[in-house]
Amino acid sequence: MRMEAEVRDSTHLILKKPLGMPAGSRVVLDIFESGHGGENEDWAKLSLTMLERAYGLDEPDYSSAGQSLV
């Protein structure tokens, strides 16, 4: 989910639209300053594209491969 917000003060954000999540839900934020957001967004999209290409749906399941090392 991607949201835009305005900084109210150092500990509060005003969201442009409601999250649609119950009170008390925890979220993780990636902060991009509006002046540099375009370039950062481009890099983030490129990174995601490359990860999707490297680990596509036709990729074998490696979830049990690391378990023998534990």
PDB file of N, CA and C in Angstrom:
ATOM      1  N   MET A   1       0.860  -1.165   0.000  1.00  0.00           N
ATOM      2  CA  MET A   1       0.000   0.000   0.000  1.00  0.00           C
ATOM      3  C   MET A   1       0.908   1.230   0.000  1.00  0.00           C
ATOM      4  N   ARG A   2       0.564   2.208  -0.768  1.00  0.00           N
ATOM      5  CA  ARG A   2       1.311   3.459  -0.804  1.00  0.00           C
ATOM      6  C   ARG A   2       0.388   4.586  -0.394  1.00  0.00           C
ATOM      7  N   MET A   3       0.855   5.418   0.546  1.00  0.00           N
ATOM      8  CA  MET A   3       0.056   6.522   1.062  1.00  0.00           C
ATOM      9  C   MET A   3       0.880   7.797   1.034  1.00  0.00           C
ATOM     10  N   GLU A   4       0.216   8.907   0.905  1.00  0.00           N
ATOM     11  CA  GLU A   4       0.869  10.203   1.055  1.00  0.00           C
ATOM     12  C   GLU A   4       0.383  10.819   2.358  1.00  0.00           C
ATOM     13  N   ALA A   5       1.283  11.566   3.005  1.00  0.00           N
ATOM     14  CA  ALA A   5       0.937  12.199   4.269  1.00  0.00           C
ATOM     15  C   ALA A   5       1.677  13.522   4.387  1.00  0.00           C
ATOM     16  N   GLU A   6       1.113  14.387   5.187  1.00  0.00           N
ATOM     17  CA  GLU A   6       1.731  15.671   5.503  1.00  0.00           C
ATOM     18  C   GLU A   6       2.281  15.569   6.925  1.00  0.00           C
ATOM     19  N   VAL A   7       3.493  16.089   7.134  1.00  0.00           N
ATOM     20  CA  VAL A   7       4.081  16.076   8.474  1.00  0.00           C
ATOM     21  C   VAL A   7       3.439  17.186   9.290  1.00  0.00           C
ATOM     22  N   ARG A   8       2.782  16.786  10.383  1.00  0.00           N
ATOM     23  CA  ARG A   8       2.153  17.769  11.276  1.00  0.00           C
ATOM     24  C   ARG A   8       3.185  18.322  12.250  1.00  0.00           C
ATOM     25  N   ASP A   9       3.925  17.417  12.871  1.00  0.00           N
ATOM     26  CA  ASP A   9       5.049  17.774  13.729  1.00  0.00           C
ATOM     27  C   ASP A   9       5.983  16.569  13.729  1.00  0.00           C
ATOM     28  N   SER A  10       6.993  16.570  14.563  1.00  0.00           N
ATOM     29  CA  SER A  10       8.010  15.521  14.495  1.00  0.00           C
ATOM     30  C   SER A  10       7.504  14.115  14.836  1.00  0.00           C
ATOM     31  N   THR A  11       6.301  13.986  15.379  1.00  0.00           N
ATOM     32  CA  THR A  11       5.779  12.660  15.717  1.00  0.00           C
ATOM     33  C   THR A  11       4.394  12.369  15.136  1.00  0.00           C
ATOM     34  N   HIS A  12       3.857  13.263  14.292  1.00  0.00           N
ATOM     35  CA  HIS A  12       2.509  13.057  13.756  1.00  0.00           C
ATOM     36  C   HIS A  12       2.460  13.321  12.255  1.00  0.00           C
ATOM     37  N   LEU A  13       1.714  12.455  11.562  1.00  0.00           N
ATOM     38  CA  LEU A  13       1.461  12.606  10.134  1.00  0.00           C
ATOM     39  C   LEU A  13      -0.034  12.763   9.903  1.00  0.00           C
ATOM     40  N   ILE A  14      -0.405  13.524   8.891  1.00  0.00           N
ATOM     41  CA  ILE A  14      -1.805  13.643   8.472  1.00  0.00           C
ATOM     42  C   ILE A  14      -1.906  12.940   7.125  1.00  0.00           C
ATOM     43  N   LEU A  15      -2.649  11.827   7.093  1.00  0.00           N
ATOM     44  CA  LEU A  15      -2.786  11.039   5.869  1.00  0.00           C
ATOM     45  C   LEU A  15      -3.741  11.706   4.898  1.00  0.00           C
ATOM     46  N   LYS A  16      -3.460  11.556   3.604  1.00  0.00           N
ATOM     47  CA  LYS A  16      -4.333  12.120   2.571  1.00  0.00           C
ATOM     48  C   LYS A  16      -5.660  11.378   2.492  1.00  0.00           C
ATOM     49  N   LYS A  17      -5.660  10.073   2.853  1.00  0.00           N
ATOM     50  CA  LYS A  17      -6.894   9.285   2.887  1.00  0.00           C
ATOM     51  C   LYS A  17      -6.766   8.244   3.991  1.00  0.00           C
ATOM     52  N   PRO A  18      -7.868   7.704   4.483  1.00  0.00           N
ATOM     53  CA  PRO A  18      -7.827   6.734   5.588  1.00  0.00           C
ATOM     54  C   PRO A  18      -7.090   5.449   5.203  1.00  0.00           C
ATOM     55  N   LEU A  19      -6.451   4.829   6.184  1.00  0.00           N
ATOM     56  CA  LEU A  19      -5.746   3.572   5.949  1.00  0.00           C
ATOM     57  C   LEU A  19      -6.686   2.389   5.784  1.00  0.00           C
ATOM     58  N   GLY A  20      -7.803   2.411   6.455  1.00  0.00           N
ATOM     59  CA  GLY A  20      -8.710   1.270   6.409  1.00  0.00           C
ATOM     60  C   GLY A  20      -8.225   0.115   7.269  1.00  0.00           C
ATOM     61  N   MET A  21      -7.483   0.436   8.318  1.00  0.00           N
ATOM     62  CA  MET A  21      -6.973  -0.573   9.237  1.00  0.00           C
ATOM     63  C   MET A  21      -7.512  -0.270  10.631  1.00  0.00           C
ATOM     64  N   PRO A  22      -7.679  -1.297  11.459  1.00  0.00           N
ATOM     65  CA  PRO A  22      -8.204  -1.051  12.805  1.00  0.00           C
ATOM     66  C   PRO A  22      -7.207  -0.288  13.668  1.00  0.00           C
ATOM     67  N   ALA A  23      -7.720   0.463  14.628  1.00  0.00           N
ATOM     68  CA  ALA A  23      -6.879   1.190  15.577  1.00  0.00           C
ATOM     69  C   ALA A  23      -5.962   0.212  16.287  1.00  0.00           C
ATOM     70  N   GLY A  24      -4.738   0.617  16.523  1.00  0.00           N
ATOM     71  CA  GLY A  24      -3.764  -0.239  17.179  1.00  0.00           C
ATOM     72  C   GLY A  24      -2.943  -1.088  16.227  1.00  0.00           C
ATOM     73  N   SER A  25      -3.290  -1.070  14.930  1.00  0.00           N
ATOM     74  CA  SER A  25      -2.500  -1.811  13.948  1.00  0.00           C
ATOM     75  C   SER A  25      -1.112  -1.193  13.856  1.00  0.00           C
ATOM     76  N   ARG A  26      -0.125  -2.030  13.602  1.00  0.00           N
ATOM     77  CA  ARG A  26       1.247  -1.540  13.459  1.00  0.00           C
ATOM     78  C   ARG A  26       1.604  -1.491  11.980  1.00  0.00           C
ATOM     79  N   VAL A  27       2.346  -0.480  11.591  1.00  0.00           N
ATOM     80  CA  VAL A  27       2.781  -0.332  10.204  1.00  0.00           C
ATOM     81  C   VAL A  27       4.276  -0.016  10.185  1.00  0.00           C
ATOM     82  N   VAL A  28       4.911  -0.259   9.045  1.00  0.00           N
ATOM     83  CA  VAL A  28       6.300   0.102   8.813  1.00  0.00           C
ATOM     84  C   VAL A  28       6.313   1.156   7.727  1.00  0.00           C
ATOM     85  N   LEU A  29       7.082   2.212   7.917  1.00  0.00           N
ATOM     86  CA  LEU A  29       7.111   3.316   6.968  1.00  0.00           C
ATOM     87  C   LEU A  29       8.459   3.409   6.276  1.00  0.00           C
ATOM     88  N   ASP A  30       8.432   3.699   4.986  1.00  0.00           N
ATOM     89  CA  ASP A  30       9.609   4.118   4.235  1.00  0.00           C
ATOM     90  C   ASP A  30       9.396   5.591   3.954  1.00  0.00           C
ATOM     91  N   ILE A  31      10.310   6.434   4.370  1.00  0.00           N
ATOM     92  CA  ILE A  31      10.141   7.876   4.239  1.00  0.00           C
ATOM     93  C   ILE A  31      10.936   8.384   3.041  1.00  0.00           C
ATOM     94  N   PHE A  32      10.266   9.099   2.147  1.00  0.00           N
ATOM     95  CA  PHE A  32      10.892   9.733   1.000  1.00  0.00           C
ATOM     96  C   PHE A  32      10.553  11.208   1.046  1.00  0.00           C
ATOM     97  N   GLU A  33      11.545  12.051   1.009  1.00  0.00           N
ATOM     98  CA  GLU A  33      11.280  13.478   0.963  1.00  0.00           C
ATOM     99  C   GLU A  33      10.717  13.820  -0.408  1.00  0.00           C
ATOM    100  N   SER A  34       9.748  14.705  -0.442  1.00  0.00           N
ATOM    101  CA  SER A  34       9.062  15.022  -1.695  1.00  0.00           C
ATOM    102  C   SER A  34      10.005  15.584  -2.751  1.00  0.00           C
ATOM    103  N   GLY A  35      11.060  16.283  -2.357  1.00  0.00           N
ATOM    104  CA  GLY A  35      11.997  16.838  -3.321  1.00  0.00           C
ATOM    105  C   GLY A  35      12.816  15.790  -4.045  1.00  0.00           C
ATOM    106  N   HIS A  36      13.026  14.622  -3.404  1.00  0.00           N
ATOM    107  CA  HIS A  36      13.853  13.581  -3.989  1.00  0.00           C
ATOM    108  C   HIS A  36      13.051  12.310  -4.267  1.00  0.00           C
ATOM    109  N   GLY A  37      11.769  12.342  -4.029  1.00  0.00           N
ATOM    110  CA  GLY A  37      10.946  11.143  -4.149  1.00  0.00           C
ATOM    111  C   GLY A  37      10.934  10.541  -5.525  1.00  0.00           C
ATOM    112  N   GLY A  38      10.993  11.359  -6.566  1.00  0.00           N
ATOM    113  CA  GLY A  38      10.944  10.835  -7.925  1.00  0.00           C
ATOM    114  C   GLY A  38      12.112   9.927  -8.233  1.00  0.00           C
ATOM    115  N   GLU A  39      13.316  10.382  -7.894  1.00  0.00           N
ATOM    116  CA  GLU A  39      14.504   9.573  -8.158  1.00  0.00           C
ATOM    117  C   GLU A  39      14.502   8.323  -7.293  1.00  0.00           C
ATOM    118  N   ASN A  40      14.181   8.476  -6.014  1.00  0.00           N
ATOM    119  CA  ASN A  40      14.123   7.312  -5.128  1.00  0.00           C
ATOM    120  C   ASN A  40      13.066   6.325  -5.580  1.00  0.00           C
ATOM    121  N   GLU A  41      11.941   6.842  -6.015  1.00  0.00           N
ATOM    122  CA  GLU A  41      10.863   5.971  -6.490  1.00  0.00           C
ATOM    123  C   GLU A  41      11.311   5.204  -7.729  1.00  0.00           C
ATOM    124  N   ASP A  42      12.018   5.872  -8.633  1.00  0.00           N
ATOM    125  CA  ASP A  42      12.528   5.199  -9.828  1.00  0.00           C
ATOM    126  C   ASP A  42      13.467   4.061  -9.462  1.00  0.00           C
ATOM    127  N   TRP A  43      14.379   4.295  -8.509  1.00  0.00           N
ATOM    128  CA  TRP A  43      15.307   3.254  -8.064  1.00  0.00           C
ATOM    129  C   TRP A  43      14.558   2.112  -7.389  1.00  0.00           C
ATOM    130  N   ALA A  44      13.553   2.439  -6.579  1.00  0.00           N
ATOM    131  CA  ALA A  44      12.776   1.401  -5.907  1.00  0.00           C
ATOM    132  C   ALA A  44      12.035   0.527  -6.922  1.00  0.00           C
ATOM    133  N   LYS A  45      11.450   1.150  -7.942  1.00  0.00           N
ATOM    134  CA  LYS A  45      10.741   0.384  -8.985  1.00  0.00           C
ATOM    135  C   LYS A  45      11.706  -0.505  -9.751  1.00  0.00           C
ATOM    136  N   LEU A  46      12.888   0.040 -10.092  1.00  0.00           N
ATOM    137  CA  LEU A  46      13.883  -0.739 -10.809  1.00  0.00           C
ATOM    138  C   LEU A  46      14.344  -1.929  -9.971  1.00  0.00           C
ATOM    139  N   SER A  47      14.580  -1.698  -8.686  1.00  0.00           N
ATOM    140  CA  SER A  47      14.997  -2.776  -7.792  1.00  0.00           C
ATOM    141  C   SER A  47      13.945  -3.872  -7.733  1.00  0.00           C
ATOM    142  N   LEU A  48      12.692  -3.476  -7.593  1.00  0.00           N
ATOM    143  CA  LEU A  48      11.603  -4.443  -7.536  1.00  0.00           C
ATOM    144  C   LEU A  48      11.508  -5.234  -8.835  1.00  0.00           C
ATOM    145  N   THR A  49      11.649  -4.544  -9.956  1.00  0.00           N
ATOM    146  CA  THR A  49      11.604  -5.211 -11.256  1.00  0.00           C
ATOM    147  C   THR A  49      12.709  -6.251 -11.371  1.00  0.00           C
ATOM    148  N   MET A  50      13.911  -5.885 -10.947  1.00  0.00           N
ATOM    149  CA  MET A  50      15.041  -6.818 -11.016  1.00  0.00           C
ATOM    150  C   MET A  50      14.847  -8.007 -10.076  1.00  0.00           C
ATOM    151  N   LEU A  51      14.322  -7.766  -8.873  1.00  0.00           N
ATOM    152  CA  LEU A  51      14.047  -8.875  -7.954  1.00  0.00           C
ATOM    153  C   LEU A  51      12.983  -9.805  -8.517  1.00  0.00           C
ATOM    154  N   GLU A  52      11.945  -9.234  -9.123  1.00  0.00           N
ATOM    155  CA  GLU A  52      10.898 -10.063  -9.717  1.00  0.00           C
ATOM    156  C   GLU A  52      11.460 -10.892 -10.865  1.00  0.00           C
ATOM    157  N   ARG A  53      12.368 -10.311 -11.623  1.00  0.00           N
ATOM    158  CA  ARG A  53      12.981 -11.027 -12.740  1.00  0.00           C
ATOM    159  C   ARG A  53      13.878 -12.151 -12.204  1.00  0.00           C
ATOM    160  N   ALA A  54      14.626 -11.880 -11.124  1.00  0.00           N
ATOM    161  CA  ALA A  54      15.534 -12.878 -10.563  1.00  0.00           C
ATOM    162  C   ALA A  54      14.795 -13.990  -9.831  1.00  0.00           C
ATOM    163  N   TYR A  55      13.702 -13.649  -9.173  1.00  0.00           N
ATOM    164  CA  TYR A  55      12.947 -14.620  -8.376  1.00  0.00           C
ATOM    165  C   TYR A  55      11.504 -14.660  -8.846  1.00  0.00           C
ATOM    166  N   GLY A  56      11.284 -15.063 -10.073  1.00  0.00           N
ATOM    167  CA  GLY A  56       9.955 -15.105 -10.666  1.00  0.00           C
ATOM    168  C   GLY A  56       9.141 -16.294 -10.183  1.00  0.00           C
ATOM    169  N   LEU A  57       7.926 -16.387 -10.690  1.00  0.00           N
ATOM    170  CA  LEU A  57       7.018 -17.463 -10.294  1.00  0.00           C
ATOM    171  C   LEU A  57       7.524 -18.839 -10.717  1.00  0.00           C
ATOM    172  N   ASP A  58       8.343 -18.903 -11.785  1.00  0.00           N
ATOM    173  CA  ASP A  58       8.853 -20.188 -12.266  1.00  0.00           C
ATOM    174  C   ASP A  58      10.108 -20.632 -11.516  1.00  0.00           C
ATOM    175  N   GLU A  59      10.547 -19.843 -10.532  1.00  0.00           N
ATOM    176  CA  GLU A  59      11.736 -20.156  -9.738  1.00  0.00           C
ATOM    177  C   GLU A  59      11.416 -21.277  -8.759  1.00  0.00           C
ATOM    178  N   PRO A  60      12.357 -22.247  -8.565  1.00  0.00           N
ATOM    179  CA  PRO A  60      12.116 -23.322  -7.598  1.00  0.00           C
ATOM    180  C   PRO A  60      11.968 -22.782  -6.181  1.00  0.00           C
ATOM    181  N   ASP A  61      11.353 -23.568  -5.325  1.00  0.00           N
ATOM    182  CA  ASP A  61      11.158 -23.174  -3.921  1.00  0.00           C
ATOM    183  C   ASP A  61      12.428 -23.480  -3.143  1.00  0.00           C
ATOM    184  N   TYR A  62      13.084 -22.430  -2.631  1.00  0.00           N
ATOM    185  CA  TYR A  62      14.310 -22.595  -1.866  1.00  0.00           C
ATOM    186  C   TYR A  62      14.070 -22.521  -0.365  1.00  0.00           C
ATOM    187  N   SER A  63      12.845 -22.544   0.082  1.00  0.00           N
ATOM    188  CA  SER A  63      12.550 -22.332   1.492  1.00  0.00           C
ATOM    189  C   SER A  63      13.195 -23.375   2.402  1.00  0.00           C
ATOM    190  N   SER A  64      13.381 -24.605   1.948  1.00  0.00           N
ATOM    191  CA  SER A  64      13.984 -25.631   2.801  1.00  0.00           C
ATOM    192  C   SER A  64      15.497 -25.731   2.603  1.00  0.00           C
ATOM    193  N   ALA A  65      16.071 -25.026   1.638  1.00  0.00           N
ATOM    194  CA  ALA A  65      17.499 -25.144   1.362  1.00  0.00           C
ATOM    195  C   ALA A  65      18.354 -24.663   2.533  1.00  0.00           C
ATOM    196  N   GLY A  66      17.978 -23.602   3.206  1.00  0.00           N
ATOM    197  CA  GLY A  66      18.763 -23.071   4.312  1.00  0.00           C
ATOM    198  C   GLY A  66      18.571 -23.801   5.626  1.00  0.00           C
ATOM    199  N   GLN A  67      17.578 -24.683   5.702  1.00  0.00           N
ATOM    200  CA  GLN A  67      17.282 -25.344   6.962  1.00  0.00           C
ATOM    201  C   GLN A  67      18.369 -26.325   7.374  1.00  0.00           C
ATOM    202  N   SER A  68      19.133 -26.905   6.425  1.00  0.00           N
ATOM    203  CA  SER A  68      20.172 -27.856   6.788  1.00  0.00           C
ATOM    204  C   SER A  68      21.362 -27.152   7.446  1.00  0.00           C
ATOM    205  N   LEU A  69      21.467 -25.825   7.284  1.00  0.00           N
ATOM    206  CA  LEU A  69      22.564 -25.062   7.871  1.00  0.00           C
ATOM    207  C   LEU A  69      22.288 -24.696   9.314  1.00  0.00           C
ATOM    208  N   VAL A  70      21.030 -24.842   9.747  1.00  0.00           N
ATOM    209  CA  VAL A  70      20.646 -24.419  11.091  1.00  0.00           C
ATOM    210  C   VAL A  70      20.973 -25.470  12.109  1.00  0.00           C
TER     211      VAL A  70
END
